[in-house]
């Protein structure tokens, strides 16, 4: 048992001088490697969080830009519609004014034609009356009515 104890102490002493520092160095290196890996993972998480925040910010900006562009396009649409309405209204007013002028001109021409026809008819009637006997007024009236009916059936005496 003493020899066993001496052997144990001797192995313990050799391990303490040679083995223990190597084991402690390996454990220290392993701890350092784990610590470095945890630090790199933490930095990667922070970088990822920064990238995520930048992505969210860019997404929000793009949505705001999209809304702005849609609002501008709707305003432009409204403006174009208003301009088209105004142009159509102006064109309609111009057409109406031209039509009224044309109608007035045709009415004036029709009146002038009717006036010329009435004058011509009056001259014809006067000429025929002078050619006939002027003594009988009843006969003259019947003759005027007959002339009017023969020349212009739409006129009733």
N, C-alpha and C. Protein backbone atom coordinates (compact mmCIF):
# COMPACT_ATOMS: atom_id res chain seq x y z
N UNK A 1 0.82 -1.15 0.00
CA UNK A 1 0.00 0.00 0.00
C UNK A 1 0.89 1.25 0.00
N UNK A 2 1.96 1.23 0.67
CA UNK A 2 2.88 2.35 0.66
C UNK A 2 3.40 2.51 -0.76
N UNK A 3 3.73 1.35 -1.35
CA UNK A 3 4.23 1.47 -2.70
C UNK A 3 3.14 2.02 -3.62
N UNK A 4 2.03 1.73 -3.37
CA UNK A 4 0.92 2.23 -4.17
C UNK A 4 0.75 3.73 -3.95
N UNK A 5 0.86 4.12 -2.72
CA UNK A 5 0.76 5.52 -2.39
C UNK A 5 1.90 6.28 -3.01
N UNK A 6 3.14 5.72 -2.93
CA UNK A 6 4.31 6.38 -3.51
C UNK A 6 4.12 6.43 -5.02
N UNK A 7 3.65 5.39 -5.63
CA UNK A 7 3.42 5.37 -7.07
C UNK A 7 2.37 6.40 -7.47
N UNK A 8 1.32 6.48 -6.65
CA UNK A 8 0.26 7.44 -6.92
C UNK A 8 0.78 8.86 -6.83
N UNK A 9 1.57 9.13 -5.77
CA UNK A 9 2.12 10.46 -5.60
C UNK A 9 3.08 10.78 -6.72
N UNK A 10 3.86 9.79 -7.13
CA UNK A 10 4.80 10.01 -8.21
C UNK A 10 4.04 10.31 -9.51
N UNK A 11 2.99 9.59 -9.81
CA UNK A 11 2.19 9.83 -11.01
C UNK A 11 1.53 11.20 -10.88
N UNK A 12 1.06 11.51 -9.68
CA UNK A 12 0.43 12.81 -9.45
C UNK A 12 1.42 13.93 -9.66
N UNK A 13 2.63 13.76 -9.18
CA UNK A 13 3.66 14.78 -9.32
C UNK A 13 4.03 14.95 -10.79
N UNK A 14 4.16 13.87 -11.54
CA UNK A 14 4.51 13.96 -12.97
C UNK A 14 3.35 14.61 -13.73
N UNK A 15 2.14 14.21 -13.40
CA UNK A 15 1.00 14.82 -14.08
C UNK A 15 0.88 16.30 -13.72
N UNK A 16 1.17 16.65 -12.47
CA UNK A 16 1.07 18.05 -12.06
C UNK A 16 2.11 18.87 -12.77
N UNK A 17 3.31 18.35 -13.01
CA UNK A 17 4.37 19.11 -13.66
C UNK A 17 4.20 19.14 -15.18
N UNK A 18 3.78 18.06 -15.80
CA UNK A 18 3.74 17.98 -17.25
C UNK A 18 2.29 18.02 -17.77
N UNK A 19 1.41 17.23 -17.27
CA UNK A 19 0.07 17.07 -17.82
C UNK A 19 -0.88 18.19 -17.48
N UNK A 20 -0.81 18.64 -16.21
CA UNK A 20 -1.75 19.68 -15.77
C UNK A 20 -1.62 20.95 -16.58
N UNK A 21 -0.45 21.49 -16.85
CA UNK A 21 -0.37 22.71 -17.66
C UNK A 21 -0.90 22.50 -19.07
N UNK A 22 -0.71 21.35 -19.67
CA UNK A 22 -1.22 21.10 -21.02
C UNK A 22 -2.75 21.03 -21.00
N UNK A 23 -3.30 20.38 -19.98
CA UNK A 23 -4.76 20.29 -19.86
C UNK A 23 -5.35 21.67 -19.65
N UNK A 24 -4.73 22.44 -18.76
CA UNK A 24 -5.22 23.80 -18.47
C UNK A 24 -5.10 24.69 -19.71
N UNK A 25 -4.03 24.54 -20.48
CA UNK A 25 -3.85 25.33 -21.70
C UNK A 25 -4.93 24.96 -22.71
N UNK A 26 -5.25 23.69 -22.86
CA UNK A 26 -6.28 23.25 -23.79
C UNK A 26 -7.65 23.77 -23.36
N UNK A 27 -7.95 23.73 -22.06
CA UNK A 27 -9.23 24.25 -21.54
C UNK A 27 -9.30 25.75 -21.76
N UNK A 28 -8.19 26.45 -21.51
CA UNK A 28 -8.16 27.90 -21.70
C UNK A 28 -8.38 28.25 -23.17
N UNK A 29 -7.70 27.52 -24.08
CA UNK A 29 -7.88 27.76 -25.51
C UNK A 29 -9.34 27.50 -25.93
N UNK A 30 -9.89 26.44 -25.38
CA UNK A 30 -11.28 26.09 -25.70
C UNK A 30 -12.21 27.19 -25.19
N UNK A 31 -12.00 27.67 -23.98
CA UNK A 31 -12.82 28.77 -23.44
C UNK A 31 -12.68 30.03 -24.29
N UNK A 32 -11.43 30.31 -24.71
CA UNK A 32 -11.18 31.50 -25.53
C UNK A 32 -11.90 31.36 -26.88
N UNK A 33 -11.83 30.17 -27.47
CA UNK A 33 -12.50 29.91 -28.76
C UNK A 33 -14.03 30.07 -28.61
N UNK A 34 -14.60 29.54 -27.55
CA UNK A 34 -16.05 29.67 -27.30
C UNK A 34 -16.41 31.13 -27.09
N UNK A 35 -15.60 31.85 -26.33
CA UNK A 35 -15.85 33.27 -26.07
C UNK A 35 -15.79 34.07 -27.37
N UNK A 36 -14.75 33.77 -28.20
CA UNK A 36 -14.64 34.46 -29.49
C UNK A 36 -15.84 34.15 -30.39
N UNK A 37 -16.28 32.90 -30.40
CA UNK A 37 -17.43 32.50 -31.22
C UNK A 37 -18.70 33.21 -30.75
N UNK A 38 -18.88 33.30 -29.42
CA UNK A 38 -20.06 34.00 -28.89
C UNK A 38 -20.03 35.48 -29.26
N UNK A 39 -18.83 36.08 -29.21
CA UNK A 39 -18.69 37.50 -29.56
C UNK A 39 -19.00 37.71 -31.04
N UNK A 40 -18.50 36.81 -31.91
CA UNK A 40 -18.77 36.91 -33.35
C UNK A 40 -20.26 36.72 -33.63
N UNK A 41 -20.90 35.79 -32.93
CA UNK A 41 -22.33 35.58 -33.10
C UNK A 41 -23.11 36.81 -32.66
N UNK A 42 -22.69 37.44 -31.57
CA UNK A 42 -23.37 38.64 -31.08
C UNK A 42 -23.22 39.77 -32.09
N UNK A 43 -22.00 39.94 -32.66
CA UNK A 43 -21.78 40.97 -33.66
C UNK A 43 -22.60 40.69 -34.92
N UNK A 44 -22.68 39.40 -35.29
CA UNK A 44 -23.48 39.04 -36.46
C UNK A 44 -24.95 39.34 -36.22
N UNK A 45 -25.44 39.07 -35.02
CA UNK A 45 -26.83 39.38 -34.67
C UNK A 45 -27.08 40.89 -34.71
N UNK A 46 -26.13 41.67 -34.21
CA UNK A 46 -26.27 43.13 -34.24
C UNK A 46 -26.28 43.64 -35.68
N UNK A 47 -25.37 43.07 -36.51
CA UNK A 47 -25.33 43.47 -37.92
C UNK A 47 -26.63 43.08 -38.61
N UNK A 48 -27.15 41.89 -38.30
CA UNK A 48 -28.41 41.43 -38.87
C UNK A 48 -29.55 42.34 -38.44
N UNK A 49 -29.55 42.75 -37.16
CA UNK A 49 -30.58 43.67 -36.68
C UNK A 49 -30.48 45.01 -37.41
N UNK A 50 -29.26 45.47 -37.65
CA UNK A 50 -29.07 46.73 -38.40
C UNK A 50 -29.57 46.59 -39.82
N UNK A 51 -29.28 45.45 -40.44
CA UNK A 51 -29.74 45.22 -41.81
C UNK A 51 -31.27 45.13 -41.84
N UNK A 52 -31.85 44.47 -40.85
CA UNK A 52 -33.31 44.35 -40.76
C UNK A 52 -33.95 45.73 -40.60
N UNK A 53 -33.34 46.57 -39.75
CA UNK A 53 -33.87 47.93 -39.56
C UNK A 53 -33.76 48.73 -40.86
N UNK A 54 -32.63 48.58 -41.56
CA UNK A 54 -32.45 49.28 -42.83
C UNK A 54 -33.48 48.79 -43.85
N UNK A 55 -33.74 47.46 -43.83
CA UNK A 55 -34.74 46.91 -44.75
C UNK A 55 -36.12 47.48 -44.45
N UNK A 56 -36.48 47.54 -43.18
CA UNK A 56 -37.79 48.08 -42.79
C UNK A 56 -37.90 49.56 -43.18
N UNK A 57 -36.82 50.30 -42.98
CA UNK A 57 -36.82 51.71 -43.34
C UNK A 57 -36.98 51.88 -44.85
N UNK A 58 -36.24 51.08 -45.63
CA UNK A 58 -36.34 51.15 -47.08
C UNK A 58 -37.74 50.76 -47.54
N UNK A 59 -38.32 49.75 -46.91
CA UNK A 59 -39.67 49.32 -47.25
C UNK A 59 -40.68 50.43 -46.96
N UNK A 60 -40.54 51.07 -45.80
CA UNK A 60 -41.44 52.17 -45.45
C UNK A 60 -41.29 53.33 -46.42
N UNK A 61 -40.03 53.64 -46.80
CA UNK A 61 -39.80 54.73 -47.75
C UNK A 61 -40.40 54.39 -49.11
N UNK A 62 -40.24 53.14 -49.54
CA UNK A 62 -40.80 52.76 -50.85
C UNK A 62 -42.32 52.81 -50.83
N UNK A 63 -42.94 52.42 -49.71
CA UNK A 63 -44.40 52.51 -49.61
C UNK A 63 -44.86 53.96 -49.62
N UNK A 64 -44.12 54.82 -48.92
CA UNK A 64 -44.46 56.24 -48.92
C UNK A 64 -44.32 56.82 -50.33
N UNK A 65 -43.28 56.43 -51.04
CA UNK A 65 -43.06 56.89 -52.41
C UNK A 65 -44.18 56.39 -53.32
N UNK A 66 -44.58 55.15 -53.12
CA UNK A 66 -45.67 54.58 -53.92
C UNK A 66 -46.96 55.37 -53.68
N UNK A 67 -47.25 55.67 -52.43
CA UNK A 67 -48.46 56.44 -52.11
C UNK A 67 -48.38 57.83 -52.73
N UNK A 68 -47.21 58.45 -52.66
CA UNK A 68 -47.03 59.79 -53.23
C UNK A 68 -47.25 59.75 -54.74
N UNK A 69 -46.69 58.74 -55.40
CA UNK A 69 -46.83 58.62 -56.85
C UNK A 69 -48.29 58.38 -57.22
N UNK A 70 -48.99 57.54 -56.45
CA UNK A 70 -50.40 57.29 -56.73
C UNK A 70 -51.22 58.56 -56.55
N UNK A 71 -50.93 59.34 -55.50
CA UNK A 71 -51.66 60.59 -55.28
C UNK A 71 -51.40 61.56 -56.42
N UNK A 72 -50.14 61.64 -56.85
CA UNK A 72 -49.81 62.53 -57.96
C UNK A 72 -50.53 62.10 -59.24
N UNK A 73 -50.58 60.78 -59.48
CA UNK A 73 -51.26 60.31 -60.70
C UNK A 73 -52.76 60.58 -60.63
N UNK A 74 -53.36 60.46 -59.45
CA UNK A 74 -54.78 60.77 -59.32
C UNK A 74 -55.03 62.26 -59.54
N UNK A 75 -54.15 63.09 -59.01
CA UNK A 75 -54.29 64.54 -59.22
C UNK A 75 -54.16 64.87 -60.71
N UNK A 76 -53.19 64.23 -61.37
CA UNK A 76 -53.00 64.46 -62.80
C UNK A 76 -54.23 63.99 -63.57
N UNK A 77 -54.79 62.86 -63.17
CA UNK A 77 -55.99 62.33 -63.82
C UNK A 77 -57.14 63.33 -63.67
N UNK A 78 -57.34 63.83 -62.44
CA UNK A 78 -58.40 64.82 -62.22
C UNK A 78 -58.18 66.06 -63.07
N UNK A 79 -56.93 66.51 -63.11
CA UNK A 79 -56.62 67.72 -63.88
C UNK A 79 -56.90 67.50 -65.36
N UNK A 80 -56.50 66.34 -65.90
CA UNK A 80 -56.74 66.05 -67.30
C UNK A 80 -58.24 65.96 -67.60
N UNK A 81 -58.99 65.36 -66.69
CA UNK A 81 -60.44 65.27 -66.88
C UNK A 81 -61.07 66.65 -66.89
N UNK A 82 -60.64 67.51 -65.96
CA UNK A 82 -61.18 68.87 -65.89
C UNK A 82 -60.84 69.65 -67.17
N UNK A 83 -59.60 69.49 -67.64
CA UNK A 83 -59.21 70.18 -68.86
C UNK A 83 -60.03 69.67 -70.05
N UNK A 84 -60.25 68.36 -70.11
CA UNK A 84 -61.04 67.80 -71.20
C UNK A 84 -62.48 68.30 -71.14
N UNK A 85 -63.04 68.37 -69.92
CA UNK A 85 -64.40 68.89 -69.78
C UNK A 85 -64.49 70.35 -70.24
N UNK A 86 -63.51 71.14 -69.80
CA UNK A 86 -63.51 72.55 -70.18
C UNK A 86 -63.38 72.71 -71.69
N UNK A 87 -62.52 71.91 -72.28
CA UNK A 87 -62.33 71.98 -73.73
C UNK A 87 -63.60 71.55 -74.46
N UNK A 88 -64.23 70.48 -73.98
CA UNK A 88 -65.47 70.00 -74.60
C UNK A 88 -66.57 71.05 -74.47
N UNK A 89 -66.66 71.69 -73.30
CA UNK A 89 -67.67 72.72 -73.09
C UNK A 89 -67.44 73.90 -74.02
N UNK A 90 -66.18 74.32 -74.16
CA UNK A 90 -65.87 75.43 -75.06
C UNK A 90 -66.22 75.07 -76.50
N UNK A 91 -65.90 73.83 -76.89
CA UNK A 91 -66.21 73.38 -78.24
C UNK A 91 -67.72 73.34 -78.47
N UNK A 92 -68.45 72.86 -77.46
CA UNK A 92 -69.91 72.80 -77.57
C UNK A 92 -70.50 74.20 -77.70
N UNK A 93 -69.98 75.13 -76.91
CA UNK A 93 -70.47 76.52 -76.99
C UNK A 93 -70.19 77.12 -78.36
N UNK A 94 -69.02 76.80 -78.91
CA UNK A 94 -68.67 77.31 -80.23
C UNK A 94 -69.61 76.74 -81.29
N UNK A 95 -69.88 75.43 -81.20
CA UNK A 95 -70.80 74.79 -82.16
C UNK A 95 -72.18 75.40 -82.03
N UNK A 96 -72.63 75.62 -80.77
CA UNK A 96 -73.95 76.22 -80.57
C UNK A 96 -74.01 77.63 -81.15
N UNK A 97 -72.97 78.41 -80.95
CA UNK A 97 -72.95 79.78 -81.48
C UNK A 97 -72.97 79.75 -83.01
N UNK A 98 -72.18 78.84 -83.59
CA UNK A 98 -72.19 78.73 -85.05
C UNK A 98 -73.57 78.32 -85.56
N UNK A 99 -74.20 77.37 -84.86
CA UNK A 99 -75.53 76.91 -85.27
C UNK A 99 -76.55 78.05 -85.16
N UNK A 100 -76.47 78.83 -84.10
CA UNK A 100 -77.40 79.95 -83.94
C UNK A 100 -77.21 80.98 -85.05
N UNK A 101 -75.94 81.25 -85.39
CA UNK A 101 -75.68 82.19 -86.47
C UNK A 101 -76.24 81.67 -87.80
N UNK A 102 -76.05 80.37 -88.04
CA UNK A 102 -76.55 79.77 -89.27
C UNK A 102 -78.07 79.82 -89.32
N UNK A 103 -78.71 79.51 -88.17
CA UNK A 103 -80.18 79.56 -88.11
C UNK A 103 -80.68 80.97 -88.36
N UNK A 104 -80.02 81.95 -87.73
CA UNK A 104 -80.42 83.35 -87.91
C UNK A 104 -80.26 83.77 -89.37
N UNK A 105 -79.17 83.33 -89.99
CA UNK A 105 -78.93 83.67 -91.39
C UNK A 105 -80.00 83.06 -92.28
N UNK A 106 -80.34 81.77 -92.03
CA UNK A 106 -81.37 81.12 -92.83
C UNK A 106 -82.73 81.78 -92.62
N UNK A 107 -83.03 82.19 -91.37
CA UNK A 107 -84.30 82.88 -91.11
C UNK A 107 -84.35 84.20 -91.87
N UNK A 108 -83.23 84.93 -91.85
CA UNK A 108 -83.19 86.21 -92.56
C UNK A 108 -83.38 86.00 -94.06
N UNK A 109 -82.73 84.94 -94.60
CA UNK A 109 -82.87 84.64 -96.02
C UNK A 109 -84.32 84.26 -96.35
N UNK A 110 -84.94 83.45 -95.46
CA UNK A 110 -86.33 83.04 -95.69
C UNK A 110 -87.26 84.26 -95.65
N UNK A 111 -87.02 85.16 -94.69
CA UNK A 111 -87.86 86.37 -94.60
C UNK A 111 -87.70 87.22 -95.86
N UNK A 112 -86.45 87.34 -96.33
CA UNK A 112 -86.22 88.15 -97.53
C UNK A 112 -86.90 87.51 -98.73
N UNK A 113 -86.85 86.18 -98.80
CA UNK A 113 -87.49 85.48 -99.91
C UNK A 113 -89.01 85.64 -99.86
N UNK A 114 -89.57 85.50 -98.64
CA UNK A 114 -91.02 85.67 -98.48
C UNK A 114 -91.42 87.10 -98.83
N UNK A 115 -90.62 88.05 -98.39
CA UNK A 115 -90.92 89.46 -98.67
C UNK A 115 -90.89 89.71 -100.18
N UNK A 116 -89.87 89.14 -100.84
CA UNK A 116 -89.77 89.31 -102.30
C UNK A 116 -90.97 88.66 -102.99
N UNK A 117 -91.39 87.50 -102.51
CA UNK A 117 -92.53 86.80 -103.10
C UNK A 117 -93.82 87.59 -102.88
N UNK A 118 -93.97 88.14 -101.65
CA UNK A 118 -95.17 88.94 -101.36
C UNK A 118 -95.20 90.18 -102.26
N UNK A 119 -94.05 90.79 -102.44
CA UNK A 119 -94.00 91.99 -103.31
C UNK A 119 -94.36 91.60 -104.74
N UNK A 120 -93.78 90.49 -105.19
CA UNK A 120 -94.07 90.04 -106.55
C UNK A 120 -95.55 89.72 -106.71
N UNK A 121 -96.10 89.03 -105.72
CA UNK A 121 -97.50 88.68 -105.75
C UNK A 121 -98.37 89.94 -105.73
N UNK A 122 -97.99 90.89 -104.91
CA UNK A 122 -98.75 92.15 -104.85
C UNK A 122 -98.73 92.88 -106.18
N UNK A 123 -97.56 92.88 -106.80
CA UNK A 123 -97.45 93.55 -108.10
C UNK A 123 -98.30 92.82 -109.13
N UNK A 124 -98.25 91.46 -109.10
CA UNK A 124 -99.08 90.68 -110.04
C UNK A 124 -100.57 90.94 -109.82
N UNK A 125 -100.96 90.97 -108.55
CA UNK A 125 -102.38 91.22 -108.25
C UNK A 125 -102.78 92.62 -108.71
N UNK A 126 -101.92 93.58 -108.42
CA UNK A 126 -102.25 94.96 -108.82
C UNK A 126 -102.34 95.07 -110.34
N UNK A 127 -101.43 94.39 -111.02
CA UNK A 127 -101.43 94.44 -112.48
C UNK A 127 -102.70 93.82 -113.04
N UNK A 128 -103.10 92.67 -112.49
CA UNK A 128 -104.30 92.01 -112.98
C UNK A 128 -105.56 92.80 -112.62
N UNK A 129 -105.51 93.45 -111.43
CA UNK A 129 -106.66 94.27 -111.06
C UNK A 129 -106.84 95.46 -112.00
N UNK A 130 -105.73 96.02 -112.36
CA UNK A 130 -105.81 97.17 -113.25
C UNK A 130 -106.27 96.77 -114.65
N UNK A 131 -105.97 95.53 -114.99
CA UNK A 131 -106.39 95.06 -116.30
C UNK A 131 -107.89 94.78 -116.34
N UNK A 132 -108.46 94.49 -115.21
CA UNK A 132 -109.90 94.19 -115.17
C UNK A 132 -110.71 95.45 -114.91
N UNK A 133 -111.91 95.25 -114.97
CA UNK A 133 -112.82 96.34 -114.75
C UNK A 133 -112.83 96.71 -113.28
N UNK A 134 -112.75 98.00 -112.98
CA UNK A 134 -112.66 98.47 -111.62
C UNK A 134 -114.01 98.89 -111.05
N UNK A 135 -115.09 98.66 -111.71
CA UNK A 135 -116.38 99.16 -111.27
C UNK A 135 -117.04 98.30 -110.20
N UNK A 136 -116.83 96.98 -110.22
CA UNK A 136 -117.52 96.10 -109.30
C UNK A 136 -116.57 95.65 -108.20
N UNK A 137 -116.86 96.09 -106.96
CA UNK A 137 -115.98 95.75 -105.84
C UNK A 137 -116.12 94.30 -105.43
N UNK A 138 -117.30 93.76 -105.47
CA UNK A 138 -117.48 92.34 -105.12
C UNK A 138 -116.74 91.45 -106.11
N UNK A 139 -116.80 91.79 -107.33
CA UNK A 139 -116.12 91.01 -108.36
C UNK A 139 -114.61 91.11 -108.16
N UNK A 140 -114.15 92.28 -107.76
CA UNK A 140 -112.72 92.46 -107.51
C UNK A 140 -112.27 91.59 -106.33
N UNK A 141 -113.05 91.56 -105.28
CA UNK A 141 -112.69 90.74 -104.11
C UNK A 141 -112.65 89.26 -104.47
N UNK A 142 -113.69 88.79 -105.21
CA UNK A 142 -113.70 87.38 -105.62
C UNK A 142 -112.52 87.08 -106.53
N UNK A 143 -112.18 88.01 -107.38
CA UNK A 143 -111.06 87.81 -108.29
C UNK A 143 -109.73 87.72 -107.53
N UNK A 144 -109.56 88.56 -106.51
CA UNK A 144 -108.33 88.53 -105.69
C UNK A 144 -108.25 87.20 -104.96
N UNK A 145 -109.37 86.74 -104.42
CA UNK A 145 -109.37 85.45 -103.73
C UNK A 145 -109.05 84.32 -104.70
N UNK A 146 -109.58 84.38 -105.87
CA UNK A 146 -109.32 83.35 -106.88
C UNK A 146 -107.85 83.34 -107.29
N UNK A 147 -107.28 84.52 -107.44
CA UNK A 147 -105.86 84.62 -107.81
C UNK A 147 -104.99 84.04 -106.68
N UNK A 148 -105.34 84.38 -105.45
CA UNK A 148 -104.57 83.87 -104.31
C UNK A 148 -104.64 82.35 -104.21
N UNK A 149 -105.85 81.80 -104.42
CA UNK A 149 -106.01 80.35 -104.36
C UNK A 149 -105.28 79.65 -105.49
N UNK A 150 -105.28 80.24 -106.66
CA UNK A 150 -104.61 79.62 -107.82
C UNK A 150 -103.10 79.71 -107.69
N UNK A 151 -102.60 80.85 -107.27
CA UNK A 151 -101.14 81.03 -107.20
C UNK A 151 -100.53 80.43 -105.94
N UNK A 152 -101.25 80.54 -104.83
CA UNK A 152 -100.74 80.04 -103.55
C UNK A 152 -101.85 79.35 -102.80
N UNK A 153 -101.99 78.06 -102.99
CA UNK A 153 -103.11 77.33 -102.35
C UNK A 153 -103.00 77.31 -100.83
N UNK A 154 -101.79 77.49 -100.25
CA UNK A 154 -101.65 77.43 -98.80
C UNK A 154 -102.19 78.70 -98.13
N UNK A 155 -102.37 79.77 -98.89
CA UNK A 155 -102.89 81.02 -98.33
C UNK A 155 -104.40 80.99 -98.50
N UNK A 156 -105.11 81.18 -97.38
CA UNK A 156 -106.57 81.26 -97.43
C UNK A 156 -107.00 82.67 -97.19
N UNK A 157 -107.93 83.11 -97.95
CA UNK A 157 -108.38 84.48 -97.83
C UNK A 157 -109.34 84.64 -96.70
